[in-house]
Amino acid sequence: MSVVVAVAPGHDPGPSAQVGALLARSYGMPLYLVAVSAEQFGEDDAAAGGWAQDLTQALAMADASMPRGTLARVLVRSGDSVRQVLLDVCREVEAERLVVGSSDRAKPGRIELGSVAMSLLYSSPLPVVLVPREASVGRAERVPRVTAAYDGSATAGQLLLGARVVAEDSSADFRVLSFGVTHPPGSVAGISTRMQRDIMGEWSTDMAARVRGLDPDAPPPAFTAVVGYSWAEVLESAAWLPGEVLMVGSSSFGPLARVSLGSQAGKIVKNSPVPVVLVPRKAQDAYAAQA
């Protein structure tokens, strides 16, 4: 078992390398920094040389960004498809997590998917960790807390059971969050602020009861229903710890063994200020079986 960090030439690899090192330390797994030299230049020696220089620099930056004493194996592979090469390496080293960074188009502290990350989400059989741009784990030596997103669905319930096991494996705290986005006061005709408050209160109570009912024989996990007027607001107000990760399940409409971004999962990813672990359905089933 291992943690693989994808290192992309021309992009800042520091945040992804830091998160990968944190996960590797937390679970006692070896860490791999993997760069892919795309076979796209043909006879253009100058372009190929520039790419090789960028690749070498990116790997050096990734290594330098990790805490002193962190050991990582560096793998450089070539291929026509960066996505496929990364997945092949993950199979080769029996990776438990594949860590990828955000696009440079993202705002600082936010996640925006580049083309490789997007293709991985629809083809990866293992959890993919998405790291916000310019994110930092602070001085965290281990993952302090694992948070599971819960929307009341059956697949989210499976994820919750598995996420508890993941937290226990690293001696991390565990909590469950449900996110509720409501309308600003006066924005919807016929619905008063008090009525909205009552509706969201009933929703919060229902979510808490569902969480307790998923595993009635176990102590109930810490649960919070976070409510706000936008996805950015509810994600920001969740009181995150440095080094914390948020686990989000694949959409129930996605392929059984792959990652698929449902509408809510996509909004969570876009607005999360902490690394998001997107878990495919097959992995959720495996996690639940351990619970």
Protein backbone atom coordinates (compact mmCIF):
# COMPACT_ATOMS: atom_id res chain seq x y z
CA MET A 1 0.00 0.00 0.00
CA SER A 2 1.27 3.49 -0.80
CA VAL A 3 0.46 7.13 -1.53
CA VAL A 4 1.15 8.52 -5.02
CA VAL A 5 1.54 12.24 -5.72
CA ALA A 6 1.21 13.40 -9.32
CA VAL A 7 3.87 16.02 -10.13
CA ALA A 8 3.10 18.15 -13.18
CA PRO A 9 5.86 20.18 -14.89
CA GLY A 10 5.11 23.89 -14.93
CA HIS A 11 2.84 23.75 -11.86
CA ASP A 12 3.52 24.32 -8.19
CA PRO A 13 3.80 20.81 -6.70
CA GLY A 14 4.32 21.99 -3.11
CA PRO A 15 0.75 21.70 -1.75
CA SER A 16 0.19 18.25 -3.26
CA ALA A 17 3.55 16.99 -2.00
CA GLN A 18 2.82 18.28 1.50
CA VAL A 19 -0.59 16.59 1.58
CA GLY A 20 0.87 13.37 0.17
CA ALA A 21 3.59 13.36 2.84
CA LEU A 22 0.97 13.99 5.54
CA LEU A 23 -1.14 11.05 4.37
CA ALA A 24 1.88 8.76 4.08
CA ARG A 25 2.99 9.61 7.63
CA SER A 26 -0.53 9.22 9.01
CA TYR A 27 -1.03 5.73 7.57
CA GLY A 28 2.55 4.48 7.65
CA MET A 29 2.72 4.06 3.87
CA PRO A 30 5.56 4.67 1.41
CA LEU A 31 5.32 7.85 -0.67
CA TYR A 32 5.91 8.15 -4.42
CA LEU A 33 6.41 11.33 -6.43
CA VAL A 34 5.42 10.52 -10.00
CA ALA A 35 6.09 12.70 -13.04
CA VAL A 36 5.03 11.81 -16.55
CA SER A 37 7.11 12.80 -19.56
CA ALA A 38 4.53 13.02 -22.33
CA GLU A 39 5.59 11.57 -25.69
CA GLN A 40 4.32 14.54 -27.66
CA PHE A 41 7.33 16.33 -29.12
CA GLY A 42 8.47 13.98 -31.86
CA GLU A 43 11.66 15.31 -33.42
CA ASP A 44 11.45 18.68 -31.64
CA ASP A 45 14.53 18.33 -29.43
CA ALA A 46 14.27 21.87 -28.06
CA ALA A 47 10.70 21.36 -26.85
CA ALA A 48 11.56 17.99 -25.36
CA GLY A 49 14.57 19.50 -23.59
CA GLY A 50 12.46 22.29 -22.14
CA TRP A 51 9.89 19.80 -20.91
CA ALA A 52 12.59 17.68 -19.27
CA GLN A 53 13.99 20.74 -17.52
CA ASP A 54 10.53 21.73 -16.23
CA LEU A 55 9.95 18.16 -15.05
CA THR A 56 13.25 18.06 -13.16
CA GLN A 57 12.51 21.42 -11.55
CA ALA A 58 9.01 20.35 -10.50
CA LEU A 59 10.33 17.19 -8.83
CA ALA A 60 12.98 19.20 -6.99
CA MET A 61 10.34 21.68 -5.78
CA ALA A 62 8.10 18.84 -4.61
CA ASP A 63 10.92 17.22 -2.68
CA ALA A 64 11.97 20.54 -1.11
CA SER A 65 8.42 21.38 0.01
CA MET A 66 8.07 18.30 2.22
CA PRO A 67 9.11 18.20 5.88
CA ARG A 68 12.74 17.37 6.58
CA GLY A 69 13.27 13.65 6.92
CA THR A 70 10.40 12.70 4.59
CA LEU A 71 11.44 9.86 2.31
CA ALA A 72 9.88 9.62 -1.13
CA ARG A 73 10.67 7.52 -4.17
CA VAL A 74 10.74 9.45 -7.43
CA LEU A 75 9.38 7.79 -10.55
CA VAL A 76 9.55 9.33 -14.02
CA ARG A 77 7.54 7.57 -16.69
CA SER A 78 6.63 8.38 -20.26
CA GLY A 79 3.51 7.79 -22.28
CA ASP A 80 0.94 9.34 -24.58
CA SER A 81 -1.66 9.61 -21.80
CA VAL A 82 -0.68 11.20 -18.48
CA ARG A 83 -3.87 9.84 -16.91
CA GLN A 84 -3.19 6.27 -17.98
CA VAL A 85 0.44 6.35 -16.90
CA LEU A 86 -0.56 7.60 -13.44
CA LEU A 87 -3.16 4.85 -13.07
CA ASP A 88 -0.65 2.23 -14.25
CA VAL A 89 1.83 3.40 -11.60
CA CYS A 90 -0.89 3.31 -8.94
CA ARG A 91 -1.56 -0.32 -9.78
CA GLU A 92 2.14 -1.11 -9.81
CA VAL A 93 2.82 0.32 -6.32
CA GLU A 94 -0.60 -0.71 -4.91
CA ALA A 95 -1.56 2.89 -4.17
CA GLU A 96 -4.30 3.64 -1.65
CA ARG A 97 -4.48 7.33 -2.57
CA LEU A 98 -3.65 9.35 -5.67
CA VAL A 99 -2.95 13.02 -4.85
CA VAL A 100 -3.36 15.69 -7.55
CA GLY A 101 -3.16 19.46 -7.39
CA SER A 102 -5.56 22.12 -8.51
CA SER A 103 -5.39 23.98 -11.78
CA ASP A 104 -3.46 27.26 -11.74
CA ARG A 105 -6.73 28.91 -12.73
CA ALA A 106 -8.14 28.29 -9.26
CA LYS A 107 -8.34 31.03 -6.69
CA PRO A 108 -5.92 30.58 -3.78
CA GLY A 109 -7.38 28.11 -1.31
CA ARG A 110 -9.81 26.67 -3.83
CA ILE A 111 -9.96 23.66 -6.15
CA GLU A 112 -10.40 23.83 -9.89
CA LEU A 113 -9.93 20.72 -11.96
CA GLY A 114 -7.48 20.64 -14.83
CA SER A 115 -7.87 18.28 -17.77
CA VAL A 116 -5.79 15.46 -16.21
CA ALA A 117 -7.55 15.70 -12.84
CA MET A 118 -10.95 15.69 -14.51
CA SER A 119 -10.12 12.62 -16.58
CA LEU A 120 -8.82 10.85 -13.46
CA LEU A 121 -12.07 11.47 -11.61
CA TYR A 122 -13.99 9.60 -14.28
CA SER A 123 -11.57 6.70 -14.59
CA SER A 124 -9.82 6.14 -11.27
CA PRO A 125 -10.65 2.97 -9.32
CA LEU A 126 -9.00 4.38 -6.19
CA PRO A 127 -9.68 7.50 -4.08
CA VAL A 128 -8.38 10.72 -5.61
CA VAL A 129 -7.22 13.48 -3.28
CA LEU A 130 -7.77 16.98 -4.70
CA VAL A 131 -5.62 19.67 -3.12
CA PRO A 132 -6.60 23.37 -3.12
CA ARG A 133 -4.25 25.79 -4.79
CA GLU A 134 -1.64 27.20 -2.36
CA ALA A 135 -3.02 24.97 0.42
CA SER A 136 -0.91 24.33 3.49
CA VAL A 137 -1.11 21.63 6.13
CA GLY A 138 0.55 23.94 8.64
CA ARG A 139 2.59 22.10 11.26
CA ALA A 140 0.39 19.02 11.25
CA GLU A 141 2.43 15.85 11.63
CA ARG A 142 -0.57 13.61 11.03
CA VAL A 143 -4.12 14.04 9.76
CA PRO A 144 -5.87 15.47 12.85
CA ARG A 145 -9.41 14.77 11.73
CA VAL A 146 -11.31 13.05 8.94
CA THR A 147 -14.64 14.60 8.00
CA ALA A 148 -17.26 12.78 5.94
CA ALA A 149 -19.84 14.68 3.91
CA TYR A 150 -23.33 13.23 4.37
CA ASP A 151 -26.43 14.09 2.34
CA GLY A 152 -28.74 11.35 3.59
CA SER A 153 -28.30 9.05 0.58
CA ALA A 154 -27.47 5.35 0.81
CA THR A 155 -24.09 5.83 -0.89
CA ALA A 156 -23.20 8.63 1.52
CA GLY A 157 -24.12 6.30 4.37
CA GLN A 158 -21.66 3.71 3.09
CA LEU A 159 -18.98 6.39 2.86
CA LEU A 160 -19.65 7.47 6.44
CA LEU A 161 -19.13 3.94 7.75
CA GLY A 162 -15.92 3.58 5.77
CA ALA A 163 -14.63 7.03 6.69
CA ARG A 164 -14.90 6.12 10.36
CA VAL A 165 -12.58 3.16 9.70
CA VAL A 166 -10.17 5.40 7.77
CA ALA A 167 -10.06 7.83 10.70
CA GLU A 168 -9.48 5.04 13.21
CA ASP A 169 -6.64 3.62 11.11
CA SER A 170 -4.72 6.88 11.51
CA SER A 171 -5.90 7.63 15.08
CA ALA A 172 -7.59 10.77 13.74
CA ASP A 173 -10.76 12.33 15.10
CA PHE A 174 -13.90 11.75 13.05
CA ARG A 175 -16.89 13.94 12.33
CA VAL A 176 -19.80 14.10 9.92
CA LEU A 177 -20.99 17.25 8.17
CA SER A 178 -24.22 17.88 6.30
CA PHE A 179 -24.29 21.00 4.16
CA GLY A 180 -27.50 22.98 3.71
CA VAL A 181 -27.79 25.95 1.35
CA THR A 182 -30.82 28.15 1.90
CA HIS A 183 -32.18 31.40 0.45
CA PRO A 184 -31.29 34.85 1.78
CA PRO A 185 -34.10 36.55 3.75
CA GLY A 186 -36.78 37.99 1.49
CA SER A 187 -35.44 36.40 -1.68
CA VAL A 188 -38.34 33.95 -2.08
CA ALA A 189 -41.89 35.26 -2.09
CA GLY A 190 -44.16 33.74 0.55
CA ILE A 191 -41.36 32.20 2.62
CA SER A 192 -40.47 34.09 5.79
CA THR A 193 -37.12 34.00 7.55
CA ARG A 194 -38.76 32.14 10.43
CA MET A 195 -40.20 29.55 8.06
CA GLN A 196 -36.80 28.97 6.49
CA ARG A 197 -35.24 28.63 9.91
CA ASP A 198 -37.85 26.05 10.92
CA ILE A 199 -37.33 24.09 7.69
CA MET A 200 -33.57 24.00 8.13
CA GLY A 201 -34.00 23.05 11.79
CA GLU A 202 -36.14 20.07 10.83
CA TRP A 203 -33.62 19.11 8.15
CA SER A 204 -30.76 19.26 10.64
CA THR A 205 -32.64 17.08 13.14
CA ASP A 206 -33.46 14.56 10.42
CA MET A 207 -29.82 14.36 9.25
CA ALA A 208 -28.60 13.83 12.81
CA ALA A 209 -31.13 11.01 13.32
CA ARG A 210 -30.08 9.35 10.07
CA VAL A 211 -26.41 9.47 11.06
CA ARG A 212 -27.19 7.84 14.41
CA GLY A 213 -29.27 5.18 12.68
CA LEU A 214 -26.49 4.09 10.31
CA ASP A 215 -24.60 2.28 13.06
CA PRO A 216 -26.83 2.23 16.16
CA ASP A 217 -24.47 -0.06 18.11
CA ALA A 218 -21.50 2.31 17.83
CA PRO A 219 -21.04 5.64 19.64
CA PRO A 220 -22.51 8.39 17.43
CA PRO A 221 -19.87 10.46 15.64
CA ALA A 222 -19.59 14.19 16.08
CA PHE A 223 -22.19 15.69 13.74
CA THR A 224 -22.85 19.22 12.53
CA ALA A 225 -25.35 20.53 10.02
CA VAL A 226 -23.79 23.62 8.44
CA VAL A 227 -26.24 26.10 6.91
CA GLY A 228 -25.56 29.17 4.80
CA TYR A 229 -26.69 31.20 1.82
CA SER A 230 -24.06 29.79 -0.57
CA TRP A 231 -21.82 26.75 -0.93
CA ALA A 232 -18.77 28.92 -0.32
CA GLU A 233 -20.26 30.15 2.95
CA VAL A 234 -21.19 26.73 4.30
CA LEU A 235 -17.81 25.21 3.42
CA GLU A 236 -15.85 28.11 4.91
CA SER A 237 -17.83 28.06 8.18
CA ALA A 238 -17.13 24.41 8.99
CA ALA A 239 -14.21 25.17 11.37
CA TRP A 240 -11.46 23.19 9.65
CA LEU A 241 -8.22 22.09 11.29
CA PRO A 242 -4.80 22.37 9.57
CA GLY A 243 -4.21 19.05 7.82
CA GLU A 244 -7.84 17.93 7.95
CA VAL A 245 -9.33 16.10 4.96
CA LEU A 246 -12.90 15.94 3.70
CA MET A 247 -14.19 12.64 2.27
CA VAL A 248 -16.89 12.87 -0.39
CA GLY A 249 -18.57 9.92 -2.08
CA SER A 250 -19.11 9.35 -5.75
CA SER A 251 -22.50 10.17 -7.19
CA SER A 252 -24.92 7.26 -7.06
CA PHE A 253 -25.48 7.88 -10.76
CA GLY A 254 -21.82 7.27 -11.62
CA PRO A 255 -20.29 4.02 -12.88
CA LEU A 256 -20.10 1.44 -10.12
CA ALA A 257 -16.33 1.20 -9.79
CA ARG A 258 -15.34 4.73 -10.78
CA VAL A 259 -15.41 8.24 -9.41
CA SER A 260 -18.21 10.46 -10.68
CA LEU A 261 -18.98 13.99 -9.59
CA GLY A 262 -22.63 14.45 -8.72
CA SER A 263 -24.08 17.95 -8.46
CA GLN A 264 -23.55 18.29 -4.71
CA ALA A 265 -20.12 16.66 -4.76
CA GLY A 266 -19.04 19.04 -7.51
CA LYS A 267 -20.10 22.07 -5.46
CA ILE A 268 -18.30 20.75 -2.40
CA VAL A 269 -15.10 20.22 -4.40
CA LYS A 270 -15.27 23.68 -5.96
CA ASN A 271 -15.70 25.44 -2.61
CA SER A 272 -13.72 23.29 -0.18
CA PRO A 273 -10.79 25.06 1.54
CA VAL A 274 -9.27 21.69 2.57
CA PRO A 275 -8.12 18.65 0.57
CA VAL A 276 -11.04 16.56 -0.70
CA VAL A 277 -10.82 12.78 -0.92
CA LEU A 278 -13.21 11.67 -3.64
CA VAL A 279 -14.10 8.02 -3.15
CA PRO A 280 -15.44 5.79 -5.97
CA ARG A 281 -18.36 3.47 -5.30
CA LYS A 282 -16.20 0.33 -5.28
CA ALA A 283 -13.95 1.79 -2.59
CA GLN A 284 -16.98 2.87 -0.54
CA ASP A 285 -18.24 -0.72 -0.53
CA ALA A 286 -14.83 -1.95 0.62
CA TYR A 287 -14.71 0.64 3.41
CA ALA A 288 -18.21 -0.24 4.62
CA ALA A 289 -17.30 -3.94 4.71
CA GLN A 290 -14.58 -3.13 7.26
CA ALA A 291 -16.92 -1.24 9.56
